[in-house]
PDB file of N, CA and C in Angstrom:
ATOM      1  N   MET A   1      88.502  86.844  69.468  1.00  0.00           N
ATOM      2  CA  MET A   1      88.535  85.397  69.578  1.00  0.00           C
ATOM      3  C   MET A   1      89.776  84.934  70.343  1.00  0.00           C
ATOM      4  N   GLU A   2      90.890  85.622  70.143  1.00  0.00           N
ATOM      5  CA  GLU A   2      92.119  85.228  70.819  1.00  0.00           C
ATOM      6  C   GLU A   2      91.996  85.390  72.329  1.00  0.00           C
ATOM      7  N   GLN A   3      91.354  86.475  72.785  1.00  0.00           N
ATOM      8  CA  GLN A   3      91.159  86.690  74.217  1.00  0.00           C
ATOM      9  C   GLN A   3      90.289  85.585  74.810  1.00  0.00           C
ATOM     10  N   ASP A   4      89.292  85.144  74.032  1.00  0.00           N
ATOM     11  CA  ASP A   4      88.405  84.091  74.494  1.00  0.00           C
ATOM     12  C   ASP A   4      89.216  82.839  74.823  1.00  0.00           C
ATOM     13  N   LEU A   5      90.148  82.505  73.961  1.00  0.00           N
ATOM     14  CA  LEU A   5      90.954  81.313  74.177  1.00  0.00           C
ATOM     15  C   LEU A   5      91.903  81.487  75.362  1.00  0.00           C
ATOM     16  N   LYS A   6      92.420  82.683  75.557  1.00  0.00           N
ATOM     17  CA  LYS A   6      93.312  82.934  76.697  1.00  0.00           C
ATOM     18  C   LYS A   6      92.576  82.776  78.017  1.00  0.00           C
ATOM     19  N   ILE A   7      91.356  83.326  78.113  1.00  0.00           N
ATOM     20  CA  ILE A   7      90.614  83.235  79.369  1.00  0.00           C
ATOM     21  C   ILE A   7      90.225  81.782  79.638  1.00  0.00           C
ATOM     22  N   LEU A   8      89.943  81.036  78.601  1.00  0.00           N
ATOM     23  CA  LEU A   8      89.623  79.621  78.776  1.00  0.00           C
ATOM     24  C   LEU A   8      90.851  78.849  79.251  1.00  0.00           C
ATOM     25  N   GLN A   9      92.016  79.165  78.682  1.00  0.00           N
ATOM     26  CA  GLN A   9      93.249  78.503  79.105  1.00  0.00           C
ATOM     27  C   GLN A   9      93.599  78.844  80.549  1.00  0.00           C
ATOM     28  N   LYS A  10      93.422  80.123  80.934  1.00  0.00           N
ATOM     29  CA  LYS A  10      93.685  80.527  82.320  1.00  0.00           C
ATOM     30  C   LYS A  10      92.732  79.819  83.275  1.00  0.00           C
ATOM     31  N   SER A  11      91.489  79.652  82.865  1.00  0.00           N
ATOM     32  CA  SER A  11      90.511  78.954  83.703  1.00  0.00           C
ATOM     33  C   SER A  11      90.887  77.483  83.847  1.00  0.00           C
ATOM     34  N   PHE A  12      91.361  76.896  82.765  1.00  0.00           N
ATOM     35  CA  PHE A  12      91.794  75.505  82.810  1.00  0.00           C
ATOM     36  C   PHE A  12      93.006  75.345  83.730  1.00  0.00           C
ATOM     37  N   ASP A  13      93.942  76.305  83.662  1.00  0.00           N
ATOM     38  CA  ASP A  13      95.107  76.276  84.556  1.00  0.00           C
ATOM     39  C   ASP A  13      94.671  76.404  86.016  1.00  0.00           C
ATOM     40  N   MET A  14      93.667  77.274  86.270  1.00  0.00           N
ATOM     41  CA  MET A  14      93.150  77.434  87.626  1.00  0.00           C
ATOM     42  C   MET A  14      92.536  76.126  88.110  1.00  0.00           C
ATOM     43  N   LEU A  15      91.813  75.438  87.231  1.00  0.00           N
ATOM     44  CA  LEU A  15      91.191  74.165  87.583  1.00  0.00           C
ATOM     45  C   LEU A  15      92.248  73.126  87.947  1.00  0.00           C
ATOM     46  N   LYS A  16      93.316  73.053  87.157  1.00  0.00           N
ATOM     47  CA  LYS A  16      94.392  72.101  87.449  1.00  0.00           C
ATOM     48  C   LYS A  16      95.045  72.421  88.789  1.00  0.00           C
ATOM     49  N   TYR A  17      95.311  73.703  89.044  1.00  0.00           N
ATOM     50  CA  TYR A  17      95.907  74.080  90.320  1.00  0.00           C
ATOM     51  C   TYR A  17      94.951  73.759  91.466  1.00  0.00           C
ATOM     52  N   GLY A  18      93.676  74.019  91.247  1.00  0.00           N
ATOM     53  CA  GLY A  18      92.678  73.734  92.271  1.00  0.00           C
ATOM     54  C   GLY A  18      92.639  72.270  92.649  1.00  0.00           C
ATOM     55  N   TYR A  19      92.746  71.405  91.662  1.00  0.00           N
ATOM     56  CA  TYR A  19      92.741  69.971  91.957  1.00  0.00           C
ATOM     57  C   TYR A  19      93.915  69.590  92.853  1.00  0.00           C
ATOM     58  N   SER A  20      95.088  70.145  92.571  1.00  0.00           N
ATOM     59  CA  SER A  20      96.244  69.808  93.414  1.00  0.00           C
ATOM     60  C   SER A  20      96.072  70.365  94.824  1.00  0.00           C
ATOM     61  N   ALA A  21      95.463  71.538  94.941  1.00  0.00           N
ATOM     62  CA  ALA A  21      95.253  72.139  96.265  1.00  0.00           C
ATOM     63  C   ALA A  21      94.168  71.398  97.047  1.00  0.00           C
ATOM     64  N   LEU A  22      93.167  70.898  96.359  1.00  0.00           N
ATOM     65  CA  LEU A  22      92.054  70.222  97.039  1.00  0.00           C
ATOM     66  C   LEU A  22      92.414  68.827  97.527  1.00  0.00           C
ATOM     67  N   ARG A  23      93.486  68.259  97.009  1.00  0.00           N
ATOM     68  CA  ARG A  23      93.905  66.915  97.437  1.00  0.00           C
ATOM     69  C   ARG A  23      94.240  66.844  98.920  1.00  0.00           C
ATOM     70  N   GLN A  24      94.697  67.949  99.477  1.00  0.00           N
ATOM     71  CA  GLN A  24      95.130  67.935 100.873  1.00  0.00           C
ATOM     72  C   GLN A  24      93.993  68.232 101.847  1.00  0.00           C
ATOM     73  N   PHE A  25      92.779  68.464 101.345  1.00  0.00           N
ATOM     74  CA  PHE A  25      91.646  68.695 102.244  1.00  0.00           C
ATOM     75  C   PHE A  25      91.403  67.449 103.081  1.00  0.00           C
ATOM     76  N   PRO A  26      90.930  67.607 104.312  1.00  0.00           N
ATOM     77  CA  PRO A  26      90.612  66.428 105.120  1.00  0.00           C
ATOM     78  C   PRO A  26      89.484  65.631 104.472  1.00  0.00           C
ATOM     79  N   LYS A  27      89.448  64.353 104.761  1.00  0.00           N
ATOM     80  CA  LYS A  27      88.470  63.470 104.146  1.00  0.00           C
ATOM     81  C   LYS A  27      87.041  63.942 104.403  1.00  0.00           C
ATOM     82  N   SER A  28      86.805  64.504 105.553  1.00  0.00           N
ATOM     83  CA  SER A  28      85.447  64.953 105.898  1.00  0.00           C
ATOM     84  C   SER A  28      84.978  66.106 105.014  1.00  0.00           C
ATOM     85  N   GLU A  29      85.904  66.837 104.422  1.00  0.00           N
ATOM     86  CA  GLU A  29      85.546  68.003 103.602  1.00  0.00           C
ATOM     87  C   GLU A  29      85.644  67.747 102.097  1.00  0.00           C
ATOM     88  N   ARG A  30      86.154  66.596 101.710  1.00  0.00           N
ATOM     89  CA  ARG A  30      86.325  66.321 100.282  1.00  0.00           C
ATOM     90  C   ARG A  30      85.010  66.227  99.534  1.00  0.00           C
ATOM     91  N   PHE A  31      83.973  65.819 100.211  1.00  0.00           N
ATOM     92  CA  PHE A  31      82.689  65.633  99.539  1.00  0.00           C
ATOM     93  C   PHE A  31      81.713  66.755  99.834  1.00  0.00           C
ATOM     94  N   THR A  32      82.177  67.788 100.518  1.00  0.00           N
ATOM     95  CA  THR A  32      81.307  68.934 100.797  1.00  0.00           C
ATOM     96  C   THR A  32      81.931  70.188 100.208  1.00  0.00           C
ATOM     97  N   LEU A  33      82.806  70.827 100.954  1.00  0.00           N
ATOM     98  CA  LEU A  33      83.407  72.083 100.504  1.00  0.00           C
ATOM     99  C   LEU A  33      84.253  71.877  99.238  1.00  0.00           C
ATOM    100  N   ALA A  34      85.057  70.840  99.212  1.00  0.00           N
ATOM    101  CA  ALA A  34      85.902  70.590  98.033  1.00  0.00           C
ATOM    102  C   ALA A  34      85.038  70.317  96.802  1.00  0.00           C
ATOM    103  N   ALA A  35      83.944  69.591  96.982  1.00  0.00           N
ATOM    104  CA  ALA A  35      83.043  69.310  95.858  1.00  0.00           C
ATOM    105  C   ALA A  35      82.386  70.590  95.353  1.00  0.00           C
ATOM    106  N   ASP A  36      82.019  71.486  96.272  1.00  0.00           N
ATOM    107  CA  ASP A  36      81.428  72.761  95.864  1.00  0.00           C
ATOM    108  C   ASP A  36      82.428  73.616  95.093  1.00  0.00           C
ATOM    109  N   ILE A  37      83.681  73.605  95.535  1.00  0.00           N
ATOM    110  CA  ILE A  37      84.722  74.366  94.845  1.00  0.00           C
ATOM    111  C   ILE A  37      84.938  73.809  93.443  1.00  0.00           C
ATOM    112  N   LYS A  38      85.012  72.488  93.316  1.00  0.00           N
ATOM    113  CA  LYS A  38      85.181  71.872  91.999  1.00  0.00           C
ATOM    114  C   LYS A  38      84.017  72.221  91.086  1.00  0.00           C
ATOM    115  N   GLN A  39      82.802  72.130  91.611  1.00  0.00           N
ATOM    116  CA  GLN A  39      81.623  72.427  90.804  1.00  0.00           C
ATOM    117  C   GLN A  39      81.633  73.879  90.325  1.00  0.00           C
ATOM    118  N   SER A  40      82.076  74.780  91.185  1.00  0.00           N
ATOM    119  CA  SER A  40      82.157  76.187  90.810  1.00  0.00           C
ATOM    120  C   SER A  40      83.185  76.393  89.689  1.00  0.00           C
ATOM    121  N   MET A  41      84.320  75.717  89.778  1.00  0.00           N
ATOM    122  CA  MET A  41      85.335  75.845  88.731  1.00  0.00           C
ATOM    123  C   MET A  41      84.828  75.278  87.409  1.00  0.00           C
ATOM    124  N   TYR A  42      84.124  74.146  87.468  1.00  0.00           N
ATOM    125  CA  TYR A  42      83.529  73.579  86.253  1.00  0.00           C
ATOM    126  C   TYR A  42      82.522  74.555  85.641  1.00  0.00           C
ATOM    127  N   SER A  43      81.730  75.191  86.503  1.00  0.00           N
ATOM    128  CA  SER A  43      80.719  76.138  86.021  1.00  0.00           C
ATOM    129  C   SER A  43      81.360  77.319  85.314  1.00  0.00           C
ATOM    130  N   ILE A  44      82.481  77.797  85.845  1.00  0.00           N
ATOM    131  CA  ILE A  44      83.174  78.919  85.216  1.00  0.00           C
ATOM    132  C   ILE A  44      83.630  78.543  83.810  1.00  0.00           C
ATOM    133  N   ILE A  45      84.233  77.374  83.677  1.00  0.00           N
ATOM    134  CA  ILE A  45      84.691  76.931  82.353  1.00  0.00           C
ATOM    135  C   ILE A  45      83.491  76.755  81.416  1.00  0.00           C
ATOM    136  N   HIS A  46      82.432  76.154  81.924  1.00  0.00           N
ATOM    137  CA  HIS A  46      81.222  75.953  81.120  1.00  0.00           C
ATOM    138  C   HIS A  46      80.663  77.291  80.635  1.00  0.00           C
ATOM    139  N   LEU A  47      80.589  78.267  81.526  1.00  0.00           N
ATOM    140  CA  LEU A  47      80.046  79.573  81.167  1.00  0.00           C
ATOM    141  C   LEU A  47      80.935  80.325  80.180  1.00  0.00           C
ATOM    142  N   ILE A  48      82.256  80.166  80.307  1.00  0.00           N
ATOM    143  CA  ILE A  48      83.172  80.812  79.362  1.00  0.00           C
ATOM    144  C   ILE A  48      82.971  80.228  77.964  1.00  0.00           C
ATOM    145  N   ILE A  49      82.846  78.920  77.877  1.00  0.00           N
ATOM    146  CA  ILE A  49      82.595  78.280  76.580  1.00  0.00           C
ATOM    147  C   ILE A  49      81.261  78.760  76.017  1.00  0.00           C
ATOM    148  N   ARG A  50      80.250  78.833  76.873  1.00  0.00           N
ATOM    149  CA  ARG A  50      78.927  79.292  76.442  1.00  0.00           C
ATOM    150  C   ARG A  50      78.984  80.743  75.949  1.00  0.00           C
ATOM    151  N   ALA A  51      79.692  81.600  76.675  1.00  0.00           N
ATOM    152  CA  ALA A  51      79.795  83.007  76.271  1.00  0.00           C
ATOM    153  C   ALA A  51      80.519  83.145  74.939  1.00  0.00           C
ATOM    154  N   ASN A  52      81.502  82.309  74.733  1.00  0.00           N
ATOM    155  CA  ASN A  52      82.256  82.349  73.485  1.00  0.00           C
ATOM    156  C   ASN A  52      81.381  81.996  72.292  1.00  0.00           C
ATOM    157  N   LYS A  53      80.395  81.142  72.490  1.00  0.00           N
ATOM    158  CA  LYS A  53      79.540  80.671  71.396  1.00  0.00           C
ATOM    159  C   LYS A  53      78.301  81.527  71.176  1.00  0.00           C
ATOM    160  N   ARG A  54      77.915  82.308  72.165  1.00  0.00           N
ATOM    161  CA  ARG A  54      76.676  83.085  72.070  1.00  0.00           C
ATOM    162  C   ARG A  54      76.875  84.400  71.333  1.00  0.00           C
ATOM    163  N   PHE A  55      75.777  84.862  70.729  1.00  0.00           N
ATOM    164  CA  PHE A  55      75.793  86.171  70.093  1.00  0.00           C
ATOM    165  C   PHE A  55      75.555  87.261  71.134  1.00  0.00           C
ATOM    166  N   TYR A  56      74.568  87.071  72.000  1.00  0.00           N
ATOM    167  CA  TYR A  56      74.297  87.997  73.098  1.00  0.00           C
ATOM    168  C   TYR A  56      74.995  87.469  74.343  1.00  0.00           C
ATOM    169  N   LYS A  57      76.049  88.139  74.745  1.00  0.00           N
ATOM    170  CA  LYS A  57      76.931  87.616  75.779  1.00  0.00           C
ATOM    171  C   LYS A  57      76.755  88.267  77.146  1.00  0.00           C
ATOM    172  N   LYS A  58      76.041  89.380  77.231  1.00  0.00           N
ATOM    173  CA  LYS A  58      76.023  90.182  78.455  1.00  0.00           C
ATOM    174  C   LYS A  58      75.588  89.379  79.682  1.00  0.00           C
ATOM    175  N   THR A  59      74.493  88.640  79.579  1.00  0.00           N
ATOM    176  CA  THR A  59      74.019  87.898  80.757  1.00  0.00           C
ATOM    177  C   THR A  59      74.981  86.778  81.128  1.00  0.00           C
ATOM    178  N   THR A  60      75.619  86.180  80.137  1.00  0.00           N
ATOM    179  CA  THR A  60      76.589  85.123  80.431  1.00  0.00           C
ATOM    180  C   THR A  60      77.817  85.708  81.121  1.00  0.00           C
ATOM    181  N   PHE A  61      78.243  86.905  80.712  1.00  0.00           N
ATOM    182  CA  PHE A  61      79.346  87.581  81.393  1.00  0.00           C
ATOM    183  C   PHE A  61      79.005  87.817  82.861  1.00  0.00           C
ATOM    184  N   GLN A  62      77.785  88.250  83.113  1.00  0.00           N
ATOM    185  CA  GLN A  62      77.351  88.478  84.495  1.00  0.00           C
ATOM    186  C   GLN A  62      77.349  87.172  85.285  1.00  0.00           C
ATOM    187  N   ASP A  63      76.929  86.089  84.648  1.00  0.00           N
ATOM    188  CA  ASP A  63      76.931  84.782  85.315  1.00  0.00           C
ATOM    189  C   ASP A  63      78.356  84.338  85.660  1.00  0.00           C
ATOM    190  N   ILE A  64      79.294  84.583  84.754  1.00  0.00           N
ATOM    191  CA  ILE A  64      80.701  84.233  85.022  1.00  0.00           C
ATOM    192  C   ILE A  64      81.224  85.057  86.200  1.00  0.00           C
ATOM    193  N   ASP A  65      80.900  86.346  86.201  1.00  0.00           N
ATOM    194  CA  ASP A  65      81.344  87.233  87.277  1.00  0.00           C
ATOM    195  C   ASP A  65      80.796  86.770  88.625  1.00  0.00           C
ATOM    196  N   ILE A  66      79.532  86.395  88.656  1.00  0.00           N
ATOM    197  CA  ILE A  66      78.912  85.903  89.898  1.00  0.00           C
ATOM    198  C   ILE A  66      79.590  84.611  90.347  1.00  0.00           C
ATOM    199  N   GLU A  67      79.845  83.715  89.421  1.00  0.00           N
ATOM    200  CA  GLU A  67      80.472  82.434  89.771  1.00  0.00           C
ATOM    201  C   GLU A  67      81.903  82.638  90.259  1.00  0.00           C
ATOM    202  N   LEU A  68      82.632  83.587  89.673  1.00  0.00           N
ATOM    203  CA  LEU A  68      83.983  83.896  90.150  1.00  0.00           C
ATOM    204  C   LEU A  68      83.947  84.414  91.587  1.00  0.00           C
ATOM    205  N   GLU A  69      82.995  85.271  91.878  1.00  0.00           N
ATOM    206  CA  GLU A  69      82.868  85.813  93.241  1.00  0.00           C
ATOM    207  C   GLU A  69      82.527  84.701  94.233  1.00  0.00           C
ATOM    208  N   TYR A  70      81.637  83.806  93.840  1.00  0.00           N
ATOM    209  CA  TYR A  70      81.269  82.661  94.682  1.00  0.00           C
ATOM    210  C   TYR A  70      82.498  81.788  94.954  1.00  0.00           C
ATOM    211  N   LEU A  71      83.298  81.543  93.916  1.00  0.00           N
ATOM    212  CA  LEU A  71      84.510  80.738  94.077  1.00  0.00           C
ATOM    213  C   LEU A  71      85.497  81.425  95.016  1.00  0.00           C
ATOM    214  N   ARG A  72      85.623  82.737  94.892  1.00  0.00           N
ATOM    215  CA  ARG A  72      86.514  83.482  95.803  1.00  0.00           C
ATOM    216  C   ARG A  72      86.120  83.246  97.260  1.00  0.00           C
ATOM    217  N   TYR A  73      84.834  83.309  97.542  1.00  0.00           N
ATOM    218  CA  TYR A  73      84.369  83.126  98.917  1.00  0.00           C
ATOM    219  C   TYR A  73      84.559  81.691  99.401  1.00  0.00           C
ATOM    220  N   LEU A  74      84.353  80.719  98.533  1.00  0.00           N
ATOM    221  CA  LEU A  74      84.564  79.331  98.933  1.00  0.00           C
ATOM    222  C   LEU A  74      86.026  79.077  99.276  1.00  0.00           C
ATOM    223  N   ILE A  75      86.928  79.610  98.463  1.00  0.00           N
ATOM    224  CA  ILE A  75      88.359  79.404  98.710  1.00  0.00           C
ATOM    225  C   ILE A  75      88.786  80.142  99.973  1.00  0.00           C
ATOM    226  N   ARG A  76      88.256  81.328 100.160  1.00  0.00           N
ATOM    227  CA  ARG A  76      88.564  82.075 101.385  1.00  0.00           C
ATOM    228  C   ARG A  76      88.075  81.322 102.625  1.00  0.00           C
ATOM    229  N   LEU A  77      86.892  80.743 102.537  1.00  0.00           N
ATOM    230  CA  LEU A  77      86.357  79.947 103.644  1.00  0.00           C
ATOM    231  C   LEU A  77      87.269  78.761 103.934  1.00  0.00           C
ATOM    232  N   ALA A  78      87.714  78.082 102.885  1.00  0.00           N
ATOM    233  CA  ALA A  78      88.617  76.938 103.068  1.00  0.00           C
ATOM    234  C   ALA A  78      89.904  77.362 103.757  1.00  0.00           C
ATOM    235  N   MET A  79      90.429  78.526 103.390  1.00  0.00           N
ATOM    236  CA  MET A  79      91.659  79.019 104.013  1.00  0.00           C
ATOM    237  C   MET A  79      91.407  79.366 105.480  1.00  0.00           C
ATOM    238  N   GLU A  80      90.300  80.050 105.751  1.00  0.00           N
ATOM    239  CA  GLU A  80      90.021  80.467 107.126  1.00  0.00           C
ATOM    240  C   GLU A  80      89.690  79.289 108.046  1.00  0.00           C
ATOM    241  N   LEU A  81      89.159  78.215 107.484  1.00  0.00           N
ATOM    242  CA  LEU A  81      88.886  77.017 108.284  1.00  0.00           C
ATOM    243  C   LEU A  81      90.132  76.157 108.464  1.00  0.00           C
ATOM    244  N   GLY A  82      91.216  76.504 107.787  1.00  0.00           N
ATOM    245  CA  GLY A  82      92.478  75.796 107.954  1.00  0.00           C
ATOM    246  C   GLY A  82      92.666  74.628 107.013  1.00  0.00           C
ATOM    247  N   PHE A  83      91.827  74.489 106.002  1.00  0.00           N
ATOM    248  CA  PHE A  83      91.960  73.380 105.054  1.00  0.00           C
ATOM    249  C   PHE A  83      92.935  73.703 103.933  1.00  0.00           C
ATOM    250  N   LEU A  84      93.219  74.986 103.749  1.00  0.00           N
ATOM    251  CA  LEU A  84      94.063  75.441 102.652  1.00  0.00           C
ATOM    252  C   LEU A  84      95.136  76.362 103.209  1.00  0.00           C
ATOM    253  N   PRO A  85      96.413  76.022 103.016  1.00  0.00           N
ATOM    254  CA  PRO A  85      97.479  76.910 103.499  1.00  0.00           C
ATOM    255  C   PRO A  85      97.415  78.275 102.824  1.00  0.00           C
ATOM    256  N   PHE A  86      97.883  79.290 103.531  1.00  0.00           N
ATOM    257  CA  PHE A  86      97.790  80.656 103.023  1.00  0.00           C
ATOM    258  C   PHE A  86      98.520  80.815 101.698  1.00  0.00           C
ATOM    259  N   LYS A  87      99.656  80.176 101.535  1.00  0.00           N
ATOM    260  CA  LYS A  87     100.427  80.311 100.291  1.00  0.00           C
ATOM    261  C   LYS A  87      99.624  79.797  99.103  1.00  0.00           C
ATOM    262  N   LYS A  88      98.966  78.651  99.254  1.00  0.00           N
ATOM    263  CA  LYS A  88      98.143  78.115  98.160  1.00  0.00           C
ATOM    264  C   LYS A  88      96.932  79.008  97.918  1.00  0.00           C
ATOM    265  N   TYR A  89      96.375  79.542  98.995  1.00  0.00           N
ATOM    266  CA  TYR A  89      95.252  80.475  98.865  1.00  0.00           C
ATOM    267  C   TYR A  89      95.675  81.695  98.049  1.00  0.00           C
ATOM    268  N   GLU A  90      96.867  82.183  98.344  1.00  0.00           N
ATOM    269  CA  GLU A  90      97.382  83.367  97.655  1.00  0.00           C
ATOM    270  C   GLU A  90      97.573  83.099  96.156  1.00  0.00           C
ATOM    271  N   ILE A  91      98.167  81.972  95.821  1.00  0.00           N
ATOM    272  CA  ILE A  91      98.401  81.622  94.414  1.00  0.00           C
ATOM    273  C   ILE A  91      97.074  81.440  93.683  1.00  0.00           C
ATOM    274  N   TRP A  92      96.149  80.713  94.321  1.00  0.00           N
ATOM    275  CA  TRP A  92      94.844  80.447  93.722  1.00  0.00           C
ATOM    276  C   TRP A  92      94.067  81.750  93.512  1.00  0.00           C
ATOM    277  N   SER A  93      94.135  82.637  94.496  1.00  0.00           N
ATOM    278  CA  SER A  93      93.445  83.926  94.389  1.00  0.00           C
ATOM    279  C   SER A  93      94.002  84.756  93.246  1.00  0.00           C
ATOM    280  N   LYS A  94      95.308  84.721  93.042  1.00  0.00           N
ATOM    281  CA  LYS A  94      95.910  85.454  91.926  1.00  0.00           C
ATOM    282  C   LYS A  94      95.398  84.930  90.592  1.00  0.00           C
ATOM    283  N   LYS A  95      95.252  83.614  90.494  1.00  0.00           N
ATOM    284  CA  LYS A  95      94.732  83.025  89.261  1.00  0.00           C
ATOM    285  C   LYS A  95      93.284  83.464  89.022  1.00  0.00           C
ATOM    286  N   ILE A  96      92.485  83.478  90.076  1.00  0.00           N
ATOM    287  CA  ILE A  96      91.089  83.904  89.952  1.00  0.00           C
ATOM    288  C   ILE A  96      91.008  85.383  89.596  1.00  0.00           C
ATOM    289  N   ASN A  97      91.845  86.199  90.233  1.00  0.00           N
ATOM    290  CA  ASN A  97      91.845  87.634  89.938  1.00  0.00           C
ATOM    291  C   ASN A  97      92.263  87.914  88.494  1.00  0.00           C
ATOM    292  N   GLU A  98      93.197  87.129  87.992  1.00  0.00           N
ATOM    293  CA  GLU A  98      93.621  87.299  86.601  1.00  0.00           C
ATOM    294  C   GLU A  98      92.462  86.984  85.645  1.00  0.00           C
ATOM    295  N   ILE A  99      91.722  85.933  85.952  1.00  0.00           N
ATOM    296  CA  ILE A  99      90.547  85.593  85.145  1.00  0.00           C
ATOM    297  C   ILE A  99      89.528  86.725  85.229  1.00  0.00           C
ATOM    298  N   GLY A 100      89.348  87.282  86.417  1.00  0.00           N
ATOM    299  CA  GLY A 100      88.423  88.401  86.586  1.00  0.00           C
ATOM    300  C   GLY A 100      88.822  89.619  85.772  1.00  0.00           C
ATOM    301  N   ARG A 101      90.116  89.915  85.731  1.00  0.00           N
ATOM    302  CA  ARG A 101      90.592  91.037  84.924  1.00  0.00           C
ATOM    303  C   ARG A 101      90.375  90.781  83.434  1.00  0.00           C
ATOM    304  N   MET A 102      90.618  89.552  83.013  1.00  0.00           N
ATOM    305  CA  MET A 102      90.394  89.205  81.609  1.00  0.00           C
ATOM    306  C   MET A 102      88.913  89.303  81.271  1.00  0.00           C
ATOM    307  N   LEU A 103      88.071  88.867  82.186  1.00  0.00           N
ATOM    308  CA  LEU A 103      86.630  88.969  81.977  1.00  0.00           C
ATOM    309  C   LEU A 103      86.214  90.432  81.859  1.00  0.00           C
ATOM    310  N   GLY A 104      86.773  91.287  82.701  1.00  0.00           N
ATOM    311  CA  GLY A 104      86.487  92.719  82.616  1.00  0.00           C
ATOM    312  C   GLY A 104      86.891  93.294  81.266  1.00  0.00           C
ATOM    313  N   GLY A 105      88.027  92.882  80.759  1.00  0.00           N
ATOM    314  CA  GLY A 105      88.461  93.322  79.434  1.00  0.00           C
ATOM    315  C   GLY A 105      87.545  92.801  78.338  1.00  0.00           C
ATOM    316  N   TRP A 106      87.082  91.590  78.513  1.00  0.00           N
ATOM    317  CA  TRP A 106      86.170  90.989  77.547  1.00  0.00           C
ATOM    318  C   TRP A 106      84.855  91.774  77.511  1.00  0.00           C
ATOM    319  N   ILE A 107      84.375  92.132  78.693  1.00  0.00           N
ATOM    320  CA  ILE A 107      83.132  92.902  78.794  1.00  0.00           C
ATOM    321  C   ILE A 107      83.302  94.276  78.140  1.00  0.00           C
ATOM    322  N   LYS A 108      84.430  94.938  78.418  1.00  0.00           N
ATOM    323  CA  LYS A 108      84.679  96.266  77.831  1.00  0.00           C
ATOM    324  C   LYS A 108      84.781  96.194  76.318  1.00  0.00           C
ATOM    325  N   SER A 109      85.372  95.119  75.811  1.00  0.00           N
ATOM    326  CA  SER A 109      85.519  95.000  74.352  1.00  0.00           C
ATOM    327  C   SER A 109      84.177  94.778  73.665  1.00  0.00           C
ATOM    328  N   MET A 110      83.184  94.294  74.394  1.00  0.00           N
ATOM    329  CA  MET A 110      81.864  94.054  73.816  1.00  0.00           C
ATOM    330  C   MET A 110      81.020  95.315  73.779  1.00  0.00           C
ATOM    331  N   LYS A 111      81.384  96.332  74.568  1.00  0.00           N
ATOM    332  CA  LYS A 111      80.572  97.566  74.621  1.00  0.00           C
ATOM    333  C   LYS A 111      80.856  98.489  73.482  1.00  0.00           C
TER     334      LYS A 111
END
């Protein structure tokens, strides 16, 4: 249960950092790429809460893993298009990777 709360807190921290990073996106991208990134972060938090409450967690873990990978690609695209400075990309990626490692530990603990 304690790990569940840590991964949720890390996801919440990632969401807060993401909001500050997305503020600098150009206006033309705020309602497209930035909106997709926000939606992906919301989905990750939603899925973590759902996994914490479910008895059978395996499929929800897979859904979280897929959503994390999707978020990685969206952020990478934003960096490569020049909407996100490399330093912010690096910090954000570290936060996502940490969540991924915690998710991997969560999956191993369930086996």
